[in-house]
Amino acid sequence: MTVDALDLPTAGRFVGRVHRFPVRVYFEDTDFSGVVYHANYLRYMERARSDMLRVAGIDQRDAFATGAGVYAVADLTIQYRRPARFDDALQIHSTVEVLRAAACIIDQRILRGDELIAQARVTAAFITPDGRPRRQPADWVDAFTRLLPTP
């Protein structure tokens, strides 16, 4: 049996150095007032970051399976600007802003069309299975370097 491309999960793509990831708001994402529950914005951004890494060629699953390490959110700030509602088509834009030996800082924006819904700055630290910081694999650093702003 072959799998049609339309049967695959939603994937993002890079436009320049910005990763764009589409999300549809479902009823389950909303609270009793009909707007997206605040924690679900974090879920959308997590999905977008994971997809950004996959599209950039970074294999998180293999790094975890081999014990090399995993990313953990070490710091996050978020500003909510406008409410998103049931059936809204959103897009998460993720941009790598800073690369360090054992971490990267990613700017993420949730948009409905051109309207900014929420914005976050996320520090993702690469850690060993026992929770200690570890240098990111060299090929991952290379992938991130290609995504950094040019000086």
N, C-alpha and C. Protein backbone atom coordinates (compact mmCIF):
# COMPACT_ATOMS: atom_id res chain seq x y z
N MET A 1 0.84 -1.18 0.00
CA MET A 1 0.00 0.00 0.00
C MET A 1 0.88 1.24 0.00
N THR A 2 0.61 2.16 -0.88
CA THR A 2 1.37 3.40 -0.94
C THR A 2 0.63 4.48 -0.17
N VAL A 3 1.40 5.41 0.36
CA VAL A 3 0.82 6.52 1.11
C VAL A 3 0.83 7.75 0.21
N ASP A 4 -0.33 8.32 0.04
CA ASP A 4 -0.47 9.54 -0.73
C ASP A 4 0.05 10.71 0.10
N ALA A 5 0.69 11.67 -0.53
CA ALA A 5 1.23 12.83 0.18
C ALA A 5 0.13 13.57 0.96
N LEU A 6 -1.08 13.53 0.47
CA LEU A 6 -2.18 14.19 1.18
C LEU A 6 -2.55 13.48 2.47
N ASP A 7 -2.12 12.23 2.63
CA ASP A 7 -2.41 11.47 3.84
C ASP A 7 -1.37 11.67 4.94
N LEU A 8 -0.30 12.39 4.64
CA LEU A 8 0.74 12.61 5.63
C LEU A 8 0.34 13.74 6.58
N PRO A 9 0.90 13.75 7.79
CA PRO A 9 0.59 14.83 8.74
C PRO A 9 1.03 16.18 8.18
N THR A 10 0.43 17.23 8.70
CA THR A 10 0.78 18.58 8.29
C THR A 10 2.24 18.85 8.58
N ALA A 11 2.89 19.50 7.66
CA ALA A 11 4.30 19.84 7.84
C ALA A 11 4.49 21.31 7.52
N GLY A 12 5.47 21.88 8.18
CA GLY A 12 5.81 23.27 7.89
C GLY A 12 6.85 23.34 6.80
N ARG A 13 7.29 24.55 6.53
CA ARG A 13 8.31 24.77 5.51
C ARG A 13 9.06 26.05 5.84
N PHE A 14 10.26 26.14 5.29
CA PHE A 14 11.04 27.36 5.46
C PHE A 14 10.75 28.31 4.32
N VAL A 15 10.57 29.57 4.66
CA VAL A 15 10.52 30.65 3.69
C VAL A 15 11.67 31.57 4.11
N GLY A 16 12.75 31.49 3.37
CA GLY A 16 13.98 32.15 3.83
C GLY A 16 14.46 31.43 5.08
N ARG A 17 14.67 32.17 6.13
CA ARG A 17 15.11 31.55 7.39
C ARG A 17 13.97 31.39 8.38
N VAL A 18 12.75 31.70 7.98
CA VAL A 18 11.57 31.60 8.85
C VAL A 18 10.84 30.28 8.56
N HIS A 19 10.65 29.49 9.61
CA HIS A 19 9.87 28.26 9.48
C HIS A 19 8.41 28.62 9.71
N ARG A 20 7.55 28.19 8.79
CA ARG A 20 6.11 28.47 8.88
C ARG A 20 5.37 27.16 9.08
N PHE A 21 4.51 27.14 10.10
CA PHE A 21 3.79 25.92 10.46
C PHE A 21 2.31 26.23 10.63
N PRO A 22 1.44 25.60 9.82
CA PRO A 22 0.01 25.89 9.92
C PRO A 22 -0.67 25.11 11.04
N VAL A 23 -1.64 25.74 11.68
CA VAL A 23 -2.43 25.12 12.74
C VAL A 23 -3.87 25.56 12.58
N ARG A 24 -4.78 24.63 12.73
CA ARG A 24 -6.22 24.95 12.76
C ARG A 24 -6.68 24.85 14.21
N VAL A 25 -7.48 25.81 14.67
CA VAL A 25 -8.02 25.76 16.03
C VAL A 25 -9.26 24.88 16.03
N TYR A 26 -9.21 23.84 16.86
CA TYR A 26 -10.34 22.94 17.02
C TYR A 26 -11.11 23.28 18.30
N PHE A 27 -12.32 22.80 18.39
CA PHE A 27 -13.16 23.07 19.55
C PHE A 27 -12.45 22.68 20.85
N GLU A 28 -11.75 21.56 20.83
CA GLU A 28 -11.05 21.08 22.03
C GLU A 28 -9.96 22.03 22.50
N ASP A 29 -9.51 22.95 21.63
CA ASP A 29 -8.46 23.91 21.98
C ASP A 29 -8.99 25.10 22.76
N THR A 30 -10.31 25.26 22.79
CA THR A 30 -10.90 26.46 23.37
C THR A 30 -11.37 26.22 24.80
N ASP A 31 -11.51 27.32 25.53
CA ASP A 31 -12.04 27.23 26.89
C ASP A 31 -13.53 27.58 26.88
N PHE A 32 -14.12 27.69 28.04
CA PHE A 32 -15.56 27.92 28.12
C PHE A 32 -15.98 29.24 27.49
N SER A 33 -15.06 30.19 27.33
CA SER A 33 -15.40 31.47 26.72
C SER A 33 -15.31 31.45 25.20
N GLY A 34 -14.83 30.32 24.64
CA GLY A 34 -14.76 30.19 23.19
C GLY A 34 -13.45 30.63 22.57
N VAL A 35 -12.47 31.00 23.40
CA VAL A 35 -11.16 31.37 22.86
C VAL A 35 -10.16 30.27 23.20
N VAL A 36 -9.04 30.27 22.49
CA VAL A 36 -8.01 29.26 22.73
C VAL A 36 -7.49 29.40 24.15
N TYR A 37 -7.48 28.28 24.87
CA TYR A 37 -6.95 28.24 26.22
C TYR A 37 -5.46 28.59 26.18
N HIS A 38 -4.99 29.40 27.12
CA HIS A 38 -3.64 29.97 27.05
C HIS A 38 -2.54 28.92 26.90
N ALA A 39 -2.65 27.78 27.54
CA ALA A 39 -1.60 26.76 27.46
C ALA A 39 -1.52 26.13 26.07
N ASN A 40 -2.59 26.18 25.31
CA ASN A 40 -2.57 25.57 23.98
C ASN A 40 -1.71 26.33 23.00
N TYR A 41 -1.49 27.63 23.25
CA TYR A 41 -0.56 28.37 22.40
C TYR A 41 0.85 27.76 22.54
N LEU A 42 1.18 27.33 23.76
CA LEU A 42 2.49 26.69 23.98
C LEU A 42 2.57 25.37 23.22
N ARG A 43 1.47 24.64 23.16
CA ARG A 43 1.44 23.38 22.40
C ARG A 43 1.67 23.65 20.91
N TYR A 44 1.00 24.67 20.39
CA TYR A 44 1.18 25.01 18.98
C TYR A 44 2.65 25.35 18.69
N MET A 45 3.25 26.13 19.59
CA MET A 45 4.64 26.52 19.37
C MET A 45 5.60 25.33 19.51
N GLU A 46 5.30 24.42 20.42
CA GLU A 46 6.13 23.21 20.56
C GLU A 46 6.08 22.38 19.28
N ARG A 47 4.89 22.21 18.73
CA ARG A 47 4.76 21.46 17.47
C ARG A 47 5.56 22.13 16.37
N ALA A 48 5.47 23.45 16.31
CA ALA A 48 6.19 24.19 15.27
C ALA A 48 7.70 24.06 15.44
N ARG A 49 8.20 24.14 16.69
CA ARG A 49 9.64 23.98 16.91
C ARG A 49 10.10 22.58 16.52
N SER A 50 9.36 21.57 16.92
CA SER A 50 9.72 20.19 16.57
C SER A 50 9.74 20.01 15.06
N ASP A 51 8.75 20.57 14.38
CA ASP A 51 8.70 20.46 12.93
C ASP A 51 9.86 21.23 12.30
N MET A 52 10.18 22.40 12.84
CA MET A 52 11.29 23.19 12.31
C MET A 52 12.58 22.38 12.37
N LEU A 53 12.83 21.71 13.49
CA LEU A 53 14.04 20.90 13.61
C LEU A 53 14.04 19.76 12.60
N ARG A 54 12.90 19.09 12.46
CA ARG A 54 12.81 17.97 11.51
C ARG A 54 13.07 18.44 10.09
N VAL A 55 12.44 19.56 9.70
CA VAL A 55 12.61 20.09 8.34
C VAL A 55 14.05 20.55 8.11
N ALA A 56 14.71 21.03 9.17
CA ALA A 56 16.11 21.47 9.06
C ALA A 56 17.08 20.31 9.02
N GLY A 57 16.59 19.08 9.24
CA GLY A 57 17.45 17.91 9.17
C GLY A 57 17.97 17.44 10.51
N ILE A 58 17.39 17.92 11.59
CA ILE A 58 17.82 17.53 12.94
C ILE A 58 16.93 16.39 13.42
N ASP A 59 17.56 15.26 13.75
CA ASP A 59 16.82 14.06 14.13
C ASP A 59 16.78 13.92 15.65
N GLN A 60 15.77 14.52 16.27
CA GLN A 60 15.65 14.47 17.73
C GLN A 60 15.39 13.06 18.24
N ARG A 61 14.62 12.31 17.51
CA ARG A 61 14.28 10.95 17.95
C ARG A 61 15.53 10.09 18.04
N ASP A 62 16.41 10.17 17.06
CA ASP A 62 17.65 9.39 17.08
C ASP A 62 18.55 9.84 18.24
N ALA A 63 18.63 11.15 18.47
CA ALA A 63 19.46 11.65 19.57
C ALA A 63 18.95 11.13 20.91
N PHE A 64 17.65 11.07 21.07
CA PHE A 64 17.07 10.54 22.30
C PHE A 64 17.34 9.03 22.41
N ALA A 65 17.11 8.30 21.31
CA ALA A 65 17.26 6.84 21.31
C ALA A 65 18.70 6.41 21.59
N THR A 66 19.67 7.18 21.11
CA THR A 66 21.07 6.83 21.31
C THR A 66 21.65 7.39 22.60
N GLY A 67 20.86 8.17 23.32
CA GLY A 67 21.33 8.74 24.58
C GLY A 67 22.18 9.98 24.42
N ALA A 68 22.21 10.55 23.20
CA ALA A 68 23.01 11.75 22.97
C ALA A 68 22.46 12.94 23.74
N GLY A 69 21.16 13.03 23.83
CA GLY A 69 20.55 14.14 24.55
C GLY A 69 19.23 14.55 23.95
N VAL A 70 18.62 15.53 24.58
CA VAL A 70 17.33 16.06 24.15
C VAL A 70 17.29 17.56 24.42
N TYR A 71 16.36 18.23 23.77
CA TYR A 71 16.13 19.64 24.06
C TYR A 71 15.11 19.75 25.19
N ALA A 72 15.34 20.72 26.05
CA ALA A 72 14.39 21.06 27.10
C ALA A 72 14.24 22.58 27.11
N VAL A 73 13.04 23.03 27.31
CA VAL A 73 12.81 24.47 27.40
C VAL A 73 13.40 24.96 28.72
N ALA A 74 14.38 25.85 28.62
CA ALA A 74 15.05 26.38 29.81
C ALA A 74 14.47 27.74 30.21
N ASP A 75 13.92 28.45 29.24
CA ASP A 75 13.34 29.76 29.51
C ASP A 75 12.32 30.07 28.43
N LEU A 76 11.25 30.73 28.83
CA LEU A 76 10.21 31.09 27.87
C LEU A 76 9.49 32.33 28.36
N THR A 77 9.36 33.30 27.47
CA THR A 77 8.50 34.45 27.76
C THR A 77 7.48 34.52 26.64
N ILE A 78 6.26 34.87 26.99
CA ILE A 78 5.19 34.93 25.99
C ILE A 78 4.31 36.15 26.25
N GLN A 79 3.89 36.77 25.18
CA GLN A 79 2.94 37.86 25.25
C GLN A 79 1.74 37.48 24.39
N TYR A 80 0.57 37.52 25.00
CA TYR A 80 -0.68 37.26 24.29
C TYR A 80 -1.22 38.59 23.81
N ARG A 81 -1.49 38.71 22.51
CA ARG A 81 -1.93 39.98 21.93
C ARG A 81 -3.42 40.00 21.59
N ARG A 82 -3.90 38.92 20.97
CA ARG A 82 -5.30 38.83 20.54
C ARG A 82 -5.78 37.41 20.79
N PRO A 83 -7.05 37.22 21.02
CA PRO A 83 -7.55 35.85 21.18
C PRO A 83 -7.72 35.14 19.84
N ALA A 84 -7.39 33.87 19.83
CA ALA A 84 -7.71 33.02 18.68
C ALA A 84 -8.97 32.24 19.05
N ARG A 85 -9.76 31.90 18.04
CA ARG A 85 -11.05 31.27 18.29
C ARG A 85 -11.22 30.01 17.45
N PHE A 86 -12.23 29.24 17.81
CA PHE A 86 -12.57 28.01 17.10
C PHE A 86 -12.57 28.22 15.60
N ASP A 87 -11.92 27.31 14.87
CA ASP A 87 -11.83 27.25 13.42
C ASP A 87 -10.90 28.28 12.80
N ASP A 88 -10.20 29.07 13.61
CA ASP A 88 -9.22 30.00 13.05
C ASP A 88 -8.09 29.21 12.40
N ALA A 89 -7.60 29.71 11.28
CA ALA A 89 -6.41 29.18 10.64
C ALA A 89 -5.24 30.04 11.10
N LEU A 90 -4.33 29.43 11.82
CA LEU A 90 -3.18 30.14 12.37
C LEU A 90 -1.91 29.66 11.68
N GLN A 91 -0.89 30.48 11.79
CA GLN A 91 0.42 30.07 11.30
C GLN A 91 1.45 30.47 12.35
N ILE A 92 2.33 29.54 12.69
CA ILE A 92 3.38 29.81 13.65
C ILE A 92 4.66 30.05 12.87
N HIS A 93 5.26 31.21 13.07
CA HIS A 93 6.53 31.55 12.44
C HIS A 93 7.62 31.41 13.49
N SER A 94 8.62 30.58 13.21
CA SER A 94 9.73 30.33 14.13
C SER A 94 11.03 30.74 13.47
N THR A 95 11.84 31.49 14.22
CA THR A 95 13.11 31.99 13.71
C THR A 95 14.19 31.77 14.75
N VAL A 96 15.27 31.13 14.36
CA VAL A 96 16.41 30.95 15.26
C VAL A 96 17.13 32.29 15.34
N GLU A 97 17.25 32.82 16.56
CA GLU A 97 17.85 34.14 16.76
C GLU A 97 19.28 34.07 17.28
N VAL A 98 19.54 33.12 18.21
CA VAL A 98 20.85 33.03 18.85
C VAL A 98 21.22 31.55 18.95
N LEU A 99 22.49 31.26 18.69
CA LEU A 99 22.99 29.89 18.83
C LEU A 99 24.14 29.90 19.82
N ARG A 100 24.02 29.06 20.84
CA ARG A 100 25.07 28.89 21.84
C ARG A 100 25.55 27.44 21.77
N ALA A 101 26.60 27.13 22.50
CA ALA A 101 27.16 25.78 22.46
C ALA A 101 26.14 24.72 22.86
N ALA A 102 25.35 25.00 23.90
CA ALA A 102 24.40 24.00 24.40
C ALA A 102 22.96 24.48 24.36
N ALA A 103 22.68 25.54 23.61
CA ALA A 103 21.31 26.06 23.56
C ALA A 103 21.09 26.91 22.32
N CYS A 104 19.83 27.16 22.05
CA CYS A 104 19.48 28.11 21.01
C CYS A 104 18.27 28.91 21.49
N ILE A 105 18.15 30.12 20.98
CA ILE A 105 17.02 30.98 21.30
C ILE A 105 16.20 31.14 20.03
N ILE A 106 14.90 30.88 20.17
CA ILE A 106 14.00 30.89 19.03
C ILE A 106 12.89 31.90 19.28
N ASP A 107 12.66 32.77 18.31
CA ASP A 107 11.54 33.70 18.35
C ASP A 107 10.37 33.03 17.65
N GLN A 108 9.21 33.03 18.29
CA GLN A 108 8.03 32.41 17.68
C GLN A 108 6.87 33.39 17.72
N ARG A 109 6.16 33.46 16.61
CA ARG A 109 4.99 34.33 16.48
C ARG A 109 3.82 33.51 15.97
N ILE A 110 2.68 33.67 16.60
CA ILE A 110 1.46 33.04 16.13
C ILE A 110 0.64 34.12 15.44
N LEU A 111 0.31 33.85 14.18
CA LEU A 111 -0.41 34.82 13.37
C LEU A 111 -1.73 34.26 12.86
N ARG A 112 -2.70 35.13 12.73
CA ARG A 112 -3.95 34.84 12.01
C ARG A 112 -3.94 35.83 10.86
N GLY A 113 -3.56 35.34 9.69
CA GLY A 113 -3.32 36.25 8.58
C GLY A 113 -2.11 37.12 8.93
N ASP A 114 -2.30 38.44 8.87
CA ASP A 114 -1.23 39.38 9.25
C ASP A 114 -1.33 39.82 10.70
N GLU A 115 -2.35 39.35 11.41
CA GLU A 115 -2.59 39.79 12.79
C GLU A 115 -1.78 38.95 13.79
N LEU A 116 -0.99 39.62 14.63
CA LEU A 116 -0.20 38.94 15.64
C LEU A 116 -1.10 38.53 16.80
N ILE A 117 -1.14 37.23 17.07
CA ILE A 117 -1.96 36.67 18.15
C ILE A 117 -1.13 36.52 19.43
N ALA A 118 0.06 35.97 19.31
CA ALA A 118 0.95 35.78 20.45
C ALA A 118 2.38 35.75 19.95
N GLN A 119 3.30 36.10 20.86
CA GLN A 119 4.71 36.10 20.52
C GLN A 119 5.48 35.55 21.70
N ALA A 120 6.49 34.72 21.41
CA ALA A 120 7.29 34.12 22.48
C ALA A 120 8.77 34.11 22.11
N ARG A 121 9.58 34.08 23.14
CA ARG A 121 11.03 33.89 22.98
C ARG A 121 11.37 32.68 23.83
N VAL A 122 11.91 31.65 23.18
CA VAL A 122 12.13 30.36 23.82
C VAL A 122 13.62 30.02 23.79
N THR A 123 14.15 29.66 24.95
CA THR A 123 15.51 29.14 25.03
C THR A 123 15.39 27.63 25.18
N ALA A 124 15.91 26.91 24.19
CA ALA A 124 15.92 25.45 24.21
C ALA A 124 17.35 25.00 24.50
N ALA A 125 17.52 24.31 25.62
CA ALA A 125 18.84 23.83 26.03
C ALA A 125 18.97 22.36 25.65
N PHE A 126 20.14 21.99 25.15
CA PHE A 126 20.42 20.59 24.84
C PHE A 126 21.00 19.96 26.10
N ILE A 127 20.37 18.89 26.58
CA ILE A 127 20.79 18.27 27.84
C ILE A 127 20.99 16.77 27.68
N THR A 128 21.80 16.21 28.56
CA THR A 128 22.02 14.77 28.59
C THR A 128 20.80 14.09 29.21
N PRO A 129 20.70 12.78 29.09
CA PRO A 129 19.56 12.09 29.71
C PRO A 129 19.43 12.32 31.21
N ASP A 130 20.55 12.66 31.88
CA ASP A 130 20.46 12.93 33.32
C ASP A 130 20.28 14.42 33.63
N GLY A 131 20.04 15.23 32.60
CA GLY A 131 19.67 16.63 32.81
C GLY A 131 20.79 17.64 32.82
N ARG A 132 21.99 17.25 32.45
CA ARG A 132 23.12 18.19 32.42
C ARG A 132 23.25 18.81 31.02
N PRO A 133 23.63 20.09 30.95
CA PRO A 133 23.84 20.72 29.65
C PRO A 133 24.93 19.99 28.86
N ARG A 134 24.74 19.91 27.57
CA ARG A 134 25.71 19.26 26.69
C ARG A 134 25.78 20.07 25.39
N ARG A 135 26.98 20.11 24.83
CA ARG A 135 27.12 20.78 23.52
C ARG A 135 26.21 20.10 22.50
N GLN A 136 25.63 20.90 21.66
CA GLN A 136 24.79 20.35 20.61
C GLN A 136 25.66 19.61 19.59
N PRO A 137 25.13 18.56 18.97
CA PRO A 137 25.91 17.85 17.95
C PRO A 137 26.35 18.81 16.84
N ALA A 138 27.54 18.56 16.31
CA ALA A 138 28.14 19.45 15.30
C ALA A 138 27.24 19.63 14.08
N ASP A 139 26.59 18.56 13.61
CA ASP A 139 25.74 18.71 12.44
C ASP A 139 24.49 19.53 12.76
N TRP A 140 24.05 19.52 14.01
CA TRP A 140 22.92 20.35 14.42
C TRP A 140 23.33 21.82 14.44
N VAL A 141 24.54 22.08 14.94
CA VAL A 141 25.06 23.45 14.95
C VAL A 141 25.15 23.97 13.52
N ASP A 142 25.61 23.13 12.60
CA ASP A 142 25.68 23.53 11.19
C ASP A 142 24.30 23.87 10.65
N ALA A 143 23.30 23.04 10.98
CA ALA A 143 21.92 23.29 10.51
C ALA A 143 21.41 24.61 11.07
N PHE A 144 21.65 24.86 12.35
CA PHE A 144 21.19 26.11 12.96
C PHE A 144 21.94 27.32 12.40
N THR A 145 23.22 27.16 12.15
CA THR A 145 24.03 28.26 11.62
C THR A 145 23.45 28.77 10.30
N ARG A 146 22.97 27.86 9.48
CA ARG A 146 22.36 28.25 8.20
C ARG A 146 21.07 29.05 8.41
N LEU A 147 20.47 28.95 9.59
CA LEU A 147 19.20 29.63 9.86
C LEU A 147 19.37 30.96 10.60
N LEU A 148 20.58 31.25 11.04
CA LEU A 148 20.82 32.48 11.79
C LEU A 148 20.77 33.70 10.89
N PRO A 149 20.43 34.86 11.48
CA PRO A 149 20.47 36.09 10.67
C PRO A 149 21.89 36.37 10.21
N THR A 150 22.00 36.92 9.04
CA THR A 150 23.33 37.27 8.53
C THR A 150 23.74 38.60 9.14
N PRO A 151 25.03 38.70 9.54
CA PRO A 151 25.49 39.95 10.18
C PRO A 151 25.54 41.11 9.23
